Amino acid sequence: MTTEINEVPAGYRVNAAGHLVPESKIEAIDLLRDELVNEIITEGQILSQKLQEFKINTLRKIQDFIELSAAEYGHKVGGKKGNVSLASFDGRNMIKRSINENITFDERLQVAKSLIDGCIHRWTEGGNDNIKALVEHAFQTDKDGNISVTRILGLHRLEIKDEQWLKAMEAIADSISITGSKTYLRLYKRNDKDALEQVSLDIANV
């Protein structure tokens, strides 16, 4: 457990354990390392702040343009939902805004599964194990206990005209809750091979 020191006296440094250490007792290489690390972290924080400001300003400009475009048709766009792609006139540059919603299911999903199990049992006169396995896969949870939204909504997209199945799909729809969303901004530039290549804003991929 480290001890917090509010004010460091001149000629001292605080070590990782929270203790005051005279600079005269610290190796020169340790002082240089400390200076290097702190300098890089400070530069990184400034860069991170600039990226955050760039994203906020860019998303605002995109939304302003969407509303401007909608005004051409006497229409007002509400909210910021929806994905959009904007391309330059020559098609060499493109900006994509995508919004991913965090979807969860409540207890009515279990009602839907029970109804679907009833459908399978009825359709296959006792239930085909292969079909059962497919449904179990759709409702399978990961190590954190989460169910795949993609697999569940994949069931919802099947066009099966059966009263019990449709009731199950209604239960799935009613069980859906939007618990949040995340907005992604991606920039693309056409490369020498005439393909759109993403402009990396990730320090690991630069």
N, C-alpha and C. Protein backbone atom coordinates (compact mmCIF):
# COMPACT_ATOMS: atom_id res chain seq x y z
N MET A 1 0.85 -1.20 0.00
CA MET A 1 0.00 0.00 0.00
C MET A 1 0.89 1.25 0.00
N THR A 2 0.67 2.14 -0.97
CA THR A 2 1.49 3.36 -1.07
C THR A 2 0.90 4.48 -0.23
N THR A 3 1.79 5.35 0.25
CA THR A 3 1.37 6.51 1.03
C THR A 3 1.35 7.73 0.14
N GLU A 4 0.22 8.44 0.10
CA GLU A 4 0.10 9.61 -0.76
C GLU A 4 0.84 10.79 -0.14
N ILE A 5 1.71 11.42 -0.96
CA ILE A 5 2.46 12.59 -0.51
C ILE A 5 1.96 13.78 -1.31
N ASN A 6 1.38 14.75 -0.62
CA ASN A 6 0.77 15.89 -1.30
C ASN A 6 1.79 16.86 -1.87
N GLU A 7 2.87 17.08 -1.16
CA GLU A 7 3.88 18.03 -1.61
C GLU A 7 5.26 17.41 -1.51
N VAL A 8 5.96 17.38 -2.65
CA VAL A 8 7.30 16.78 -2.69
C VAL A 8 8.34 17.88 -2.48
N PRO A 9 9.16 17.75 -1.46
CA PRO A 9 10.21 18.78 -1.20
C PRO A 9 11.22 18.83 -2.35
N ALA A 10 11.82 19.99 -2.52
CA ALA A 10 12.84 20.15 -3.55
C ALA A 10 13.99 19.19 -3.29
N GLY A 11 14.48 18.57 -4.38
CA GLY A 11 15.60 17.65 -4.24
C GLY A 11 15.18 16.23 -3.91
N TYR A 12 13.89 15.95 -3.94
CA TYR A 12 13.39 14.61 -3.64
C TYR A 12 12.51 14.10 -4.78
N ARG A 13 12.37 12.80 -4.86
CA ARG A 13 11.43 12.15 -5.77
C ARG A 13 10.62 11.14 -4.97
N VAL A 14 9.42 10.85 -5.42
CA VAL A 14 8.59 9.82 -4.78
C VAL A 14 8.75 8.53 -5.57
N ASN A 15 9.10 7.44 -4.88
CA ASN A 15 9.25 6.16 -5.58
C ASN A 15 7.91 5.44 -5.70
N ALA A 16 7.93 4.25 -6.33
CA ALA A 16 6.70 3.50 -6.60
C ALA A 16 5.99 3.06 -5.32
N ALA A 17 6.72 2.99 -4.22
CA ALA A 17 6.13 2.60 -2.94
C ALA A 17 5.56 3.79 -2.18
N GLY A 18 5.73 5.01 -2.77
CA GLY A 18 5.21 6.20 -2.13
C GLY A 18 6.16 6.83 -1.13
N HIS A 19 7.42 6.44 -1.18
CA HIS A 19 8.40 6.98 -0.23
C HIS A 19 9.21 8.11 -0.86
N LEU A 20 9.58 9.08 -0.04
CA LEU A 20 10.45 10.16 -0.50
C LEU A 20 11.89 9.66 -0.57
N VAL A 21 12.53 9.92 -1.72
CA VAL A 21 13.92 9.50 -1.91
C VAL A 21 14.72 10.71 -2.39
N PRO A 22 15.85 11.02 -1.75
CA PRO A 22 16.69 12.13 -2.22
C PRO A 22 17.19 11.84 -3.64
N GLU A 23 17.15 12.85 -4.49
CA GLU A 23 17.61 12.66 -5.87
C GLU A 23 19.08 12.27 -5.91
N SER A 24 19.85 12.70 -4.92
CA SER A 24 21.27 12.37 -4.88
C SER A 24 21.50 10.88 -4.67
N LYS A 25 20.47 10.17 -4.18
CA LYS A 25 20.58 8.74 -3.93
C LYS A 25 20.02 7.91 -5.09
N ILE A 26 19.52 8.58 -6.11
CA ILE A 26 18.92 7.87 -7.25
C ILE A 26 19.95 7.76 -8.37
N GLU A 27 20.06 6.58 -8.96
CA GLU A 27 20.99 6.36 -10.06
C GLU A 27 20.63 7.26 -11.24
N ALA A 28 21.67 7.72 -11.97
CA ALA A 28 21.45 8.61 -13.12
C ALA A 28 20.55 7.97 -14.17
N ILE A 29 20.73 6.66 -14.40
CA ILE A 29 19.93 5.97 -15.41
C ILE A 29 18.45 5.93 -15.01
N ASP A 30 18.18 5.84 -13.70
CA ASP A 30 16.80 5.83 -13.20
C ASP A 30 16.15 7.20 -13.40
N LEU A 31 16.93 8.26 -13.23
CA LEU A 31 16.41 9.61 -13.45
C LEU A 31 16.11 9.84 -14.93
N LEU A 32 17.00 9.34 -15.78
CA LEU A 32 16.79 9.49 -17.23
C LEU A 32 15.57 8.71 -17.69
N ARG A 33 15.40 7.49 -17.13
CA ARG A 33 14.23 6.67 -17.47
C ARG A 33 12.95 7.38 -17.04
N ASP A 34 12.97 7.95 -15.83
CA ASP A 34 11.81 8.67 -15.31
C ASP A 34 11.45 9.84 -16.22
N GLU A 35 12.46 10.57 -16.65
CA GLU A 35 12.24 11.72 -17.53
C GLU A 35 11.66 11.28 -18.88
N LEU A 36 12.21 10.19 -19.44
CA LEU A 36 11.75 9.68 -20.73
C LEU A 36 10.29 9.23 -20.67
N VAL A 37 9.97 8.42 -19.67
CA VAL A 37 8.61 7.89 -19.54
C VAL A 37 7.60 9.02 -19.38
N ASN A 38 7.88 9.96 -18.48
CA ASN A 38 6.95 11.06 -18.24
C ASN A 38 6.78 11.95 -19.47
N GLU A 39 7.87 12.15 -20.22
CA GLU A 39 7.81 12.97 -21.43
C GLU A 39 6.91 12.31 -22.48
N ILE A 40 7.09 10.98 -22.68
CA ILE A 40 6.29 10.27 -23.68
C ILE A 40 4.82 10.21 -23.27
N ILE A 41 4.56 9.97 -21.99
CA ILE A 41 3.18 9.92 -21.51
C ILE A 41 2.48 11.27 -21.71
N THR A 42 3.18 12.35 -21.42
CA THR A 42 2.61 13.69 -21.60
C THR A 42 2.27 13.94 -23.07
N GLU A 43 3.20 13.57 -23.97
CA GLU A 43 2.95 13.73 -25.40
C GLU A 43 1.77 12.87 -25.85
N GLY A 44 1.69 11.64 -25.30
CA GLY A 44 0.60 10.73 -25.64
C GLY A 44 -0.75 11.27 -25.19
N GLN A 45 -0.78 11.87 -24.00
CA GLN A 45 -2.03 12.44 -23.48
C GLN A 45 -2.51 13.60 -24.35
N ILE A 46 -1.56 14.41 -24.82
CA ILE A 46 -1.92 15.52 -25.71
C ILE A 46 -2.48 15.00 -27.02
N LEU A 47 -1.82 13.96 -27.57
CA LEU A 47 -2.27 13.36 -28.82
C LEU A 47 -3.65 12.73 -28.66
N SER A 48 -3.86 12.04 -27.52
CA SER A 48 -5.16 11.41 -27.25
C SER A 48 -6.26 12.46 -27.18
N GLN A 49 -5.97 13.59 -26.53
CA GLN A 49 -6.94 14.68 -26.42
C GLN A 49 -7.27 15.25 -27.79
N LYS A 50 -6.23 15.39 -28.65
CA LYS A 50 -6.45 15.92 -30.00
C LYS A 50 -7.31 14.96 -30.83
N LEU A 51 -7.08 13.65 -30.68
CA LEU A 51 -7.89 12.66 -31.39
C LEU A 51 -9.35 12.72 -30.93
N GLN A 52 -9.53 12.87 -29.62
CA GLN A 52 -10.88 12.97 -29.07
C GLN A 52 -11.59 14.21 -29.62
N GLU A 53 -10.88 15.33 -29.66
CA GLU A 53 -11.47 16.56 -30.19
C GLU A 53 -11.77 16.41 -31.68
N PHE A 54 -10.86 15.73 -32.42
CA PHE A 54 -11.08 15.50 -33.85
C PHE A 54 -12.34 14.67 -34.08
N LYS A 55 -12.51 13.62 -33.28
CA LYS A 55 -13.69 12.76 -33.44
C LYS A 55 -14.97 13.53 -33.14
N ILE A 56 -14.99 14.27 -32.06
CA ILE A 56 -16.19 15.03 -31.68
C ILE A 56 -16.53 16.06 -32.75
N ASN A 57 -15.51 16.80 -33.22
CA ASN A 57 -15.75 17.83 -34.23
C ASN A 57 -16.19 17.21 -35.56
N THR A 58 -15.58 16.07 -35.93
CA THR A 58 -15.94 15.42 -37.19
C THR A 58 -17.36 14.89 -37.15
N LEU A 59 -17.74 14.25 -36.05
CA LEU A 59 -19.11 13.73 -35.93
C LEU A 59 -20.13 14.86 -35.96
N ARG A 60 -19.77 15.99 -35.35
CA ARG A 60 -20.68 17.15 -35.39
C ARG A 60 -20.84 17.67 -36.82
N LYS A 61 -19.72 17.74 -37.56
CA LYS A 61 -19.76 18.22 -38.95
C LYS A 61 -20.59 17.28 -39.83
N ILE A 62 -20.44 15.97 -39.60
CA ILE A 62 -21.21 15.00 -40.38
C ILE A 62 -22.70 15.16 -40.11
N GLN A 63 -23.06 15.31 -38.81
CA GLN A 63 -24.46 15.47 -38.46
C GLN A 63 -25.02 16.77 -39.04
N ASP A 64 -24.23 17.84 -39.00
CA ASP A 64 -24.66 19.11 -39.58
C ASP A 64 -24.92 18.96 -41.08
N PHE A 65 -24.05 18.19 -41.76
CA PHE A 65 -24.22 18.00 -43.20
C PHE A 65 -25.47 17.18 -43.49
N ILE A 66 -25.73 16.15 -42.68
CA ILE A 66 -26.93 15.34 -42.86
C ILE A 66 -28.18 16.21 -42.74
N GLU A 67 -28.19 17.09 -41.74
CA GLU A 67 -29.34 17.98 -41.55
C GLU A 67 -29.45 18.98 -42.69
N LEU A 68 -28.30 19.44 -43.20
CA LEU A 68 -28.32 20.35 -44.34
C LEU A 68 -28.89 19.66 -45.57
N SER A 69 -28.46 18.42 -45.79
CA SER A 69 -28.95 17.65 -46.93
C SER A 69 -30.45 17.38 -46.80
N ALA A 70 -30.91 17.07 -45.58
CA ALA A 70 -32.33 16.81 -45.36
C ALA A 70 -33.15 18.06 -45.61
N ALA A 71 -32.59 19.23 -45.29
CA ALA A 71 -33.30 20.49 -45.48
C ALA A 71 -33.60 20.76 -46.95
N GLU A 72 -32.80 20.16 -47.86
CA GLU A 72 -33.04 20.31 -49.30
C GLU A 72 -34.41 19.76 -49.68
N TYR A 73 -34.91 18.84 -48.87
CA TYR A 73 -36.21 18.21 -49.14
C TYR A 73 -37.26 18.66 -48.13
N GLY A 74 -36.95 19.74 -47.41
CA GLY A 74 -37.90 20.25 -46.44
C GLY A 74 -38.14 19.30 -45.29
N HIS A 75 -37.13 18.51 -44.96
CA HIS A 75 -37.26 17.50 -43.91
C HIS A 75 -36.23 17.76 -42.81
N LYS A 76 -36.62 17.48 -41.59
CA LYS A 76 -35.70 17.63 -40.45
C LYS A 76 -35.39 16.25 -39.90
N VAL A 77 -34.10 15.98 -39.74
CA VAL A 77 -33.67 14.68 -39.21
C VAL A 77 -33.59 14.76 -37.70
N GLY A 78 -34.22 13.79 -37.01
CA GLY A 78 -34.19 13.78 -35.55
C GLY A 78 -33.17 12.79 -35.04
N GLY A 79 -32.43 13.17 -34.03
CA GLY A 79 -31.47 12.26 -33.42
C GLY A 79 -30.24 12.03 -34.28
N LYS A 80 -29.41 11.07 -33.85
CA LYS A 80 -28.16 10.80 -34.56
C LYS A 80 -28.03 9.33 -34.93
N LYS A 81 -29.17 8.63 -35.03
CA LYS A 81 -29.11 7.21 -35.32
C LYS A 81 -28.83 6.97 -36.79
N GLY A 82 -28.23 5.81 -37.07
CA GLY A 82 -28.04 5.40 -38.45
C GLY A 82 -26.62 5.53 -38.93
N ASN A 83 -26.26 4.62 -39.84
CA ASN A 83 -24.94 4.65 -40.44
C ASN A 83 -24.98 5.53 -41.69
N VAL A 84 -23.86 6.15 -41.99
CA VAL A 84 -23.81 7.03 -43.17
C VAL A 84 -22.40 7.01 -43.75
N SER A 85 -22.34 7.09 -45.10
CA SER A 85 -21.05 7.18 -45.80
C SER A 85 -21.06 8.43 -46.65
N LEU A 86 -19.98 9.20 -46.57
CA LEU A 86 -19.84 10.41 -47.36
C LEU A 86 -18.58 10.28 -48.21
N ALA A 87 -18.71 10.50 -49.52
CA ALA A 87 -17.57 10.35 -50.42
C ALA A 87 -17.25 11.69 -51.08
N SER A 88 -15.97 11.89 -51.36
CA SER A 88 -15.56 13.08 -52.09
C SER A 88 -16.06 12.99 -53.53
N PHE A 89 -16.06 14.10 -54.24
CA PHE A 89 -16.61 14.15 -55.60
C PHE A 89 -15.88 13.18 -56.53
N ASP A 90 -14.55 13.05 -56.35
CA ASP A 90 -13.78 12.16 -57.22
C ASP A 90 -13.76 10.72 -56.73
N GLY A 91 -14.40 10.46 -55.58
CA GLY A 91 -14.49 9.10 -55.05
C GLY A 91 -13.21 8.59 -54.43
N ARG A 92 -12.21 9.44 -54.27
CA ARG A 92 -10.93 9.00 -53.73
C ARG A 92 -10.89 9.02 -52.20
N ASN A 93 -11.79 9.75 -51.60
CA ASN A 93 -11.84 9.83 -50.14
C ASN A 93 -13.24 9.50 -49.65
N MET A 94 -13.31 8.83 -48.52
CA MET A 94 -14.62 8.48 -47.96
C MET A 94 -14.58 8.52 -46.44
N ILE A 95 -15.68 8.95 -45.85
CA ILE A 95 -15.85 8.95 -44.40
C ILE A 95 -17.06 8.09 -44.07
N LYS A 96 -16.92 7.21 -43.08
CA LYS A 96 -18.03 6.37 -42.66
C LYS A 96 -18.30 6.56 -41.17
N ARG A 97 -19.55 6.83 -40.87
CA ARG A 97 -19.98 6.88 -39.47
C ARG A 97 -20.90 5.70 -39.23
N SER A 98 -20.57 4.89 -38.25
CA SER A 98 -21.42 3.75 -37.92
C SER A 98 -21.74 3.77 -36.44
N ILE A 99 -22.97 3.41 -36.13
CA ILE A 99 -23.43 3.40 -34.74
C ILE A 99 -23.86 2.00 -34.38
N ASN A 100 -23.15 1.40 -33.44
CA ASN A 100 -23.47 0.06 -32.97
C ASN A 100 -24.21 0.14 -31.64
N GLU A 101 -25.40 -0.44 -31.63
CA GLU A 101 -26.19 -0.43 -30.40
C GLU A 101 -25.89 -1.68 -29.57
N ASN A 102 -25.83 -1.50 -28.27
CA ASN A 102 -25.63 -2.61 -27.35
C ASN A 102 -26.98 -3.20 -26.99
N ILE A 103 -27.26 -4.40 -27.52
CA ILE A 103 -28.57 -5.02 -27.35
C ILE A 103 -28.49 -6.12 -26.29
N THR A 104 -29.45 -6.13 -25.38
CA THR A 104 -29.57 -7.20 -24.39
C THR A 104 -30.99 -7.76 -24.44
N PHE A 105 -31.17 -8.94 -23.85
CA PHE A 105 -32.49 -9.59 -23.83
C PHE A 105 -32.92 -9.81 -22.38
N ASP A 106 -34.21 -9.63 -22.13
CA ASP A 106 -34.71 -9.89 -20.78
C ASP A 106 -35.27 -11.31 -20.69
N GLU A 107 -36.05 -11.59 -19.63
CA GLU A 107 -36.50 -12.96 -19.37
C GLU A 107 -37.43 -13.51 -20.45
N ARG A 108 -38.00 -12.63 -21.28
CA ARG A 108 -38.91 -13.10 -22.32
C ARG A 108 -38.18 -13.89 -23.41
N LEU A 109 -36.86 -13.79 -23.45
CA LEU A 109 -36.10 -14.61 -24.39
C LEU A 109 -36.25 -16.09 -24.05
N GLN A 110 -36.32 -16.41 -22.75
CA GLN A 110 -36.52 -17.79 -22.34
C GLN A 110 -37.90 -18.29 -22.72
N VAL A 111 -38.88 -17.39 -22.70
CA VAL A 111 -40.23 -17.74 -23.16
C VAL A 111 -40.17 -18.08 -24.64
N ALA A 112 -39.43 -17.28 -25.40
CA ALA A 112 -39.28 -17.52 -26.84
C ALA A 112 -38.64 -18.87 -27.09
N LYS A 113 -37.61 -19.20 -26.33
CA LYS A 113 -36.93 -20.49 -26.52
C LYS A 113 -37.88 -21.65 -26.23
N SER A 114 -38.70 -21.52 -25.20
CA SER A 114 -39.66 -22.57 -24.87
C SER A 114 -40.67 -22.76 -26.00
N LEU A 115 -41.12 -21.65 -26.59
CA LEU A 115 -42.06 -21.72 -27.71
C LEU A 115 -41.39 -22.37 -28.93
N ILE A 116 -40.14 -22.02 -29.18
CA ILE A 116 -39.42 -22.59 -30.32
C ILE A 116 -39.21 -24.08 -30.12
N ASP A 117 -38.86 -24.48 -28.89
CA ASP A 117 -38.71 -25.90 -28.59
C ASP A 117 -40.01 -26.65 -28.88
N GLY A 118 -41.14 -26.03 -28.55
CA GLY A 118 -42.44 -26.63 -28.84
C GLY A 118 -42.67 -26.80 -30.33
N CYS A 119 -42.22 -25.78 -31.09
CA CYS A 119 -42.35 -25.86 -32.55
C CYS A 119 -41.55 -27.03 -33.10
N ILE A 120 -40.32 -27.17 -32.66
CA ILE A 120 -39.44 -28.24 -33.16
C ILE A 120 -40.03 -29.60 -32.82
N HIS A 121 -40.51 -29.73 -31.60
CA HIS A 121 -41.10 -30.99 -31.16
C HIS A 121 -42.30 -31.34 -32.03
N ARG A 122 -43.11 -30.36 -32.34
CA ARG A 122 -44.31 -30.59 -33.15
C ARG A 122 -43.96 -30.86 -34.61
N TRP A 123 -43.00 -30.14 -35.14
CA TRP A 123 -42.65 -30.29 -36.56
C TRP A 123 -41.96 -31.62 -36.86
N THR A 124 -41.22 -32.15 -35.91
CA THR A 124 -40.40 -33.33 -36.19
C THR A 124 -40.89 -34.59 -35.48
N GLU A 125 -42.09 -34.53 -34.94
CA GLU A 125 -42.68 -35.69 -34.27
C GLU A 125 -41.74 -36.28 -33.21
N GLY A 126 -41.35 -35.44 -32.28
CA GLY A 126 -40.50 -35.90 -31.20
C GLY A 126 -39.19 -35.13 -31.15
N GLY A 127 -38.89 -34.44 -32.25
CA GLY A 127 -37.71 -33.58 -32.24
C GLY A 127 -36.47 -34.23 -32.84
N ASN A 128 -36.03 -33.67 -33.95
CA ASN A 128 -34.80 -34.12 -34.58
C ASN A 128 -33.61 -33.51 -33.84
N ASP A 129 -32.65 -34.36 -33.47
CA ASP A 129 -31.52 -33.89 -32.67
C ASP A 129 -30.70 -32.83 -33.38
N ASN A 130 -30.61 -32.92 -34.72
CA ASN A 130 -29.83 -31.94 -35.48
C ASN A 130 -30.46 -30.56 -35.42
N ILE A 131 -31.79 -30.53 -35.58
CA ILE A 131 -32.50 -29.24 -35.50
C ILE A 131 -32.41 -28.69 -34.08
N LYS A 132 -32.54 -29.55 -33.10
CA LYS A 132 -32.41 -29.11 -31.71
C LYS A 132 -31.04 -28.48 -31.47
N ALA A 133 -30.01 -29.10 -32.04
CA ALA A 133 -28.64 -28.60 -31.87
C ALA A 133 -28.48 -27.20 -32.45
N LEU A 134 -29.14 -26.96 -33.60
CA LEU A 134 -29.07 -25.64 -34.22
C LEU A 134 -29.69 -24.58 -33.33
N VAL A 135 -30.84 -24.91 -32.75
CA VAL A 135 -31.51 -23.95 -31.86
C VAL A 135 -30.70 -23.74 -30.59
N GLU A 136 -30.14 -24.81 -30.03
CA GLU A 136 -29.31 -24.68 -28.83
C GLU A 136 -28.09 -23.81 -29.11
N HIS A 137 -27.55 -23.92 -30.34
CA HIS A 137 -26.40 -23.09 -30.72
C HIS A 137 -26.79 -21.62 -30.73
N ALA A 138 -27.99 -21.32 -31.22
CA ALA A 138 -28.45 -19.92 -31.27
C ALA A 138 -28.58 -19.34 -29.88
N PHE A 139 -28.98 -20.16 -28.91
CA PHE A 139 -29.19 -19.68 -27.54
C PHE A 139 -27.98 -19.93 -26.63
N GLN A 140 -26.89 -20.39 -27.21
CA GLN A 140 -25.69 -20.69 -26.42
C GLN A 140 -25.07 -19.41 -25.88
N THR A 141 -24.58 -19.45 -24.66
CA THR A 141 -23.95 -18.28 -24.04
C THR A 141 -22.43 -18.41 -24.09
N ASP A 142 -21.75 -17.25 -24.05
CA ASP A 142 -20.29 -17.26 -24.02
C ASP A 142 -19.82 -17.41 -22.58
N LYS A 143 -18.51 -17.28 -22.36
CA LYS A 143 -17.95 -17.49 -21.02
C LYS A 143 -18.43 -16.48 -20.00
N ASP A 144 -18.93 -15.33 -20.50
CA ASP A 144 -19.46 -14.29 -19.60
C ASP A 144 -20.97 -14.41 -19.41
N GLY A 145 -21.56 -15.45 -20.02
CA GLY A 145 -22.99 -15.65 -19.87
C GLY A 145 -23.84 -14.84 -20.83
N ASN A 146 -23.21 -14.26 -21.87
CA ASN A 146 -23.94 -13.44 -22.84
C ASN A 146 -24.38 -14.27 -24.04
N ILE A 147 -25.55 -13.96 -24.54
CA ILE A 147 -26.09 -14.65 -25.71
C ILE A 147 -25.76 -13.84 -26.95
N SER A 148 -25.43 -14.52 -28.06
CA SER A 148 -25.09 -13.85 -29.30
C SER A 148 -26.32 -13.15 -29.89
N VAL A 149 -26.25 -11.84 -29.98
CA VAL A 149 -27.34 -11.05 -30.56
C VAL A 149 -27.54 -11.44 -32.02
N THR A 150 -26.44 -11.65 -32.74
CA THR A 150 -26.50 -11.98 -34.17
C THR A 150 -27.26 -13.28 -34.41
N ARG A 151 -26.98 -14.31 -33.60
CA ARG A 151 -27.64 -15.60 -33.79
C ARG A 151 -29.12 -15.53 -33.45
N ILE A 152 -29.46 -14.79 -32.38
CA ILE A 152 -30.87 -14.67 -32.01
C ILE A 152 -31.65 -13.90 -33.07
N LEU A 153 -31.09 -12.79 -33.53
CA LEU A 153 -31.77 -12.01 -34.55
C LEU A 153 -31.81 -12.75 -35.88
N GLY A 154 -30.86 -13.68 -36.07
CA GLY A 154 -30.89 -14.54 -37.26
C GLY A 154 -32.13 -15.41 -37.26
N LEU A 155 -32.53 -15.93 -36.09
CA LEU A 155 -33.78 -16.69 -35.98
C LEU A 155 -34.97 -15.80 -36.32
N HIS A 156 -34.89 -14.55 -35.85
CA HIS A 156 -35.99 -13.62 -36.05
C HIS A 156 -36.21 -13.30 -37.53
N ARG A 157 -35.15 -13.44 -38.34
CA ARG A 157 -35.26 -13.11 -39.76
C ARG A 157 -35.80 -14.27 -40.60
N LEU A 158 -35.90 -15.46 -40.01
CA LEU A 158 -36.42 -16.60 -40.76
C LEU A 158 -37.91 -16.41 -41.05
N GLU A 159 -38.28 -16.63 -42.28
CA GLU A 159 -39.69 -16.44 -42.68
C GLU A 159 -40.44 -17.76 -42.53
N ILE A 160 -40.88 -18.03 -41.32
CA ILE A 160 -41.64 -19.24 -41.00
C ILE A 160 -43.05 -18.83 -40.60
N LYS A 161 -44.02 -19.29 -41.37
CA LYS A 161 -45.42 -18.93 -41.11
C LYS A 161 -46.06 -19.98 -40.22
N ASP A 162 -45.80 -19.89 -38.96
CA ASP A 162 -46.37 -20.80 -37.98
C ASP A 162 -46.77 -19.96 -36.78
N GLU A 163 -47.97 -20.14 -36.31
CA GLU A 163 -48.51 -19.29 -35.25
C GLU A 163 -47.64 -19.31 -34.00
N GLN A 164 -47.20 -20.49 -33.58
CA GLN A 164 -46.39 -20.60 -32.37
C GLN A 164 -45.00 -19.98 -32.61
N TRP A 165 -44.45 -20.21 -33.80
CA TRP A 165 -43.14 -19.62 -34.13
C TRP A 165 -43.23 -18.10 -34.13
N LEU A 166 -44.30 -17.56 -34.73
CA LEU A 166 -44.47 -16.10 -34.78
C LEU A 166 -44.63 -15.52 -33.39
N LYS A 167 -45.28 -16.28 -32.50
CA LYS A 167 -45.42 -15.83 -31.11
C LYS A 167 -44.05 -15.81 -30.42
N ALA A 168 -43.22 -16.79 -30.76
CA ALA A 168 -41.86 -16.82 -30.22
C ALA A 168 -41.06 -15.63 -30.72
N MET A 169 -41.22 -15.29 -32.00
CA MET A 169 -40.51 -14.14 -32.57
C MET A 169 -41.00 -12.83 -31.93
N GLU A 170 -42.27 -12.79 -31.60
CA GLU A 170 -42.82 -11.62 -30.91
C GLU A 170 -42.21 -11.48 -29.51
N ALA A 171 -42.01 -12.63 -28.85
CA ALA A 171 -41.39 -12.62 -27.53
C ALA A 171 -39.93 -12.15 -27.62
N ILE A 172 -39.24 -12.56 -28.69
CA ILE A 172 -37.86 -12.11 -28.88
C ILE A 172 -37.84 -10.60 -29.07
N ALA A 173 -38.73 -10.09 -29.93
CA ALA A 173 -38.78 -8.65 -30.19
C ALA A 173 -39.07 -7.87 -28.91
N ASP A 174 -40.00 -8.39 -28.10
CA ASP A 174 -40.37 -7.71 -26.86
C ASP A 174 -39.25 -7.79 -25.80
N SER A 175 -38.39 -8.79 -25.93
CA SER A 175 -37.34 -8.99 -24.92
C SER A 175 -36.13 -8.09 -25.16
N ILE A 176 -36.08 -7.43 -26.32
CA ILE A 176 -34.90 -6.64 -26.69
C ILE A 176 -34.88 -5.31 -25.94
N SER A 177 -33.71 -4.99 -25.39
CA SER A 177 -33.50 -3.69 -24.76
C SER A 177 -32.21 -3.09 -25.33
N ILE A 178 -32.22 -1.79 -25.61
CA ILE A 178 -31.04 -1.07 -26.04
C ILE A 178 -30.41 -0.43 -24.81
N THR A 179 -29.25 -0.92 -24.41
CA THR A 179 -28.62 -0.44 -23.18
C THR A 179 -27.51 0.58 -23.42
N GLY A 180 -27.31 0.92 -24.68
CA GLY A 180 -26.27 1.91 -24.99
C GLY A 180 -25.84 1.77 -26.44
N SER A 181 -25.03 2.70 -26.88
CA SER A 181 -24.53 2.64 -28.25
C SER A 181 -23.13 3.24 -28.31
N LYS A 182 -22.40 2.87 -29.35
CA LYS A 182 -21.05 3.39 -29.55
C LYS A 182 -20.92 3.83 -31.00
N THR A 183 -20.38 5.02 -31.20
CA THR A 183 -20.24 5.58 -32.53
C THR A 183 -18.80 5.40 -33.02
N TYR A 184 -18.67 4.86 -34.23
CA TYR A 184 -17.36 4.64 -34.83
C TYR A 184 -17.18 5.57 -36.02
N LEU A 185 -15.97 6.07 -36.18
CA LEU A 185 -15.63 6.95 -37.28
C LEU A 185 -14.46 6.33 -38.04
N ARG A 186 -14.66 6.11 -39.34
CA ARG A 186 -13.61 5.50 -40.16
C ARG A 186 -13.37 6.36 -41.39
N LEU A 187 -12.08 6.57 -41.69
CA LEU A 187 -11.69 7.37 -42.84
C LEU A 187 -11.01 6.47 -43.87
N TYR A 188 -11.31 6.68 -45.16
CA TYR A 188 -10.74 5.86 -46.22
C TYR A 188 -10.17 6.75 -47.32
N LYS A 189 -9.06 6.26 -47.90
CA LYS A 189 -8.42 6.96 -49.02
C LYS A 189 -8.05 5.93 -50.08
N ARG A 190 -8.33 6.24 -51.35
CA ARG A 190 -8.04 5.30 -52.42
C ARG A 190 -6.53 5.21 -52.64
N ASN A 191 -6.00 3.99 -52.65
CA ASN A 191 -4.56 3.80 -52.78
C ASN A 191 -4.16 3.61 -54.25
N ASP A 192 -2.88 3.26 -54.47
CA ASP A 192 -2.35 3.11 -55.82
C ASP A 192 -2.98 1.96 -56.57
N LYS A 193 -3.57 1.02 -55.84
CA LYS A 193 -4.23 -0.13 -56.47
C LYS A 193 -5.72 0.13 -56.71
N ASP A 194 -6.12 1.40 -56.56
CA ASP A 194 -7.50 1.84 -56.79
C ASP A 194 -8.48 1.18 -55.82
N ALA A 195 -8.00 0.88 -54.62
CA ALA A 195 -8.86 0.32 -53.58
C ALA A 195 -8.90 1.27 -52.40
N LEU A 196 -10.08 1.37 -51.75
CA LEU A 196 -10.19 2.24 -50.58
C LEU A 196 -9.46 1.60 -49.40
N GLU A 197 -8.53 2.34 -48.86
CA GLU A 197 -7.71 1.86 -47.74
C GLU A 197 -7.99 2.72 -46.52
N GLN A 198 -8.23 2.07 -45.39
CA GLN A 198 -8.57 2.83 -44.19
C GLN A 198 -7.37 3.62 -43.68
N VAL A 199 -7.62 4.87 -43.35
CA VAL A 199 -6.60 5.72 -42.74
C VAL A 199 -6.54 5.36 -41.26
N SER A 200 -5.42 4.84 -40.83
CA SER A 200 -5.31 4.35 -39.46
C SER A 200 -5.20 5.49 -38.46
N LEU A 201 -6.09 5.44 -37.47
CA LEU A 201 -6.01 6.39 -36.35
C LEU A 201 -5.65 5.64 -35.06
N ASP A 202 -5.21 4.39 -35.26
CA ASP A 202 -4.81 3.52 -34.15
C ASP A 202 -3.28 3.48 -34.12
N ILE A 203 -2.69 3.87 -33.02
CA ILE A 203 -1.24 3.97 -32.93
C ILE A 203 -0.57 2.62 -33.19
N ALA A 204 -1.26 1.52 -32.91
CA ALA A 204 -0.68 0.19 -33.12
C ALA A 204 -0.58 -0.16 -34.60
N ASN A 205 -1.38 0.50 -35.43
CA ASN A 205 -1.42 0.16 -36.85
C ASN A 205 -0.79 1.22 -37.74
N VAL A 206 -0.22 2.24 -37.17
CA VAL A 206 0.39 3.30 -37.97
C VAL A 206 1.75 2.83 -38.50
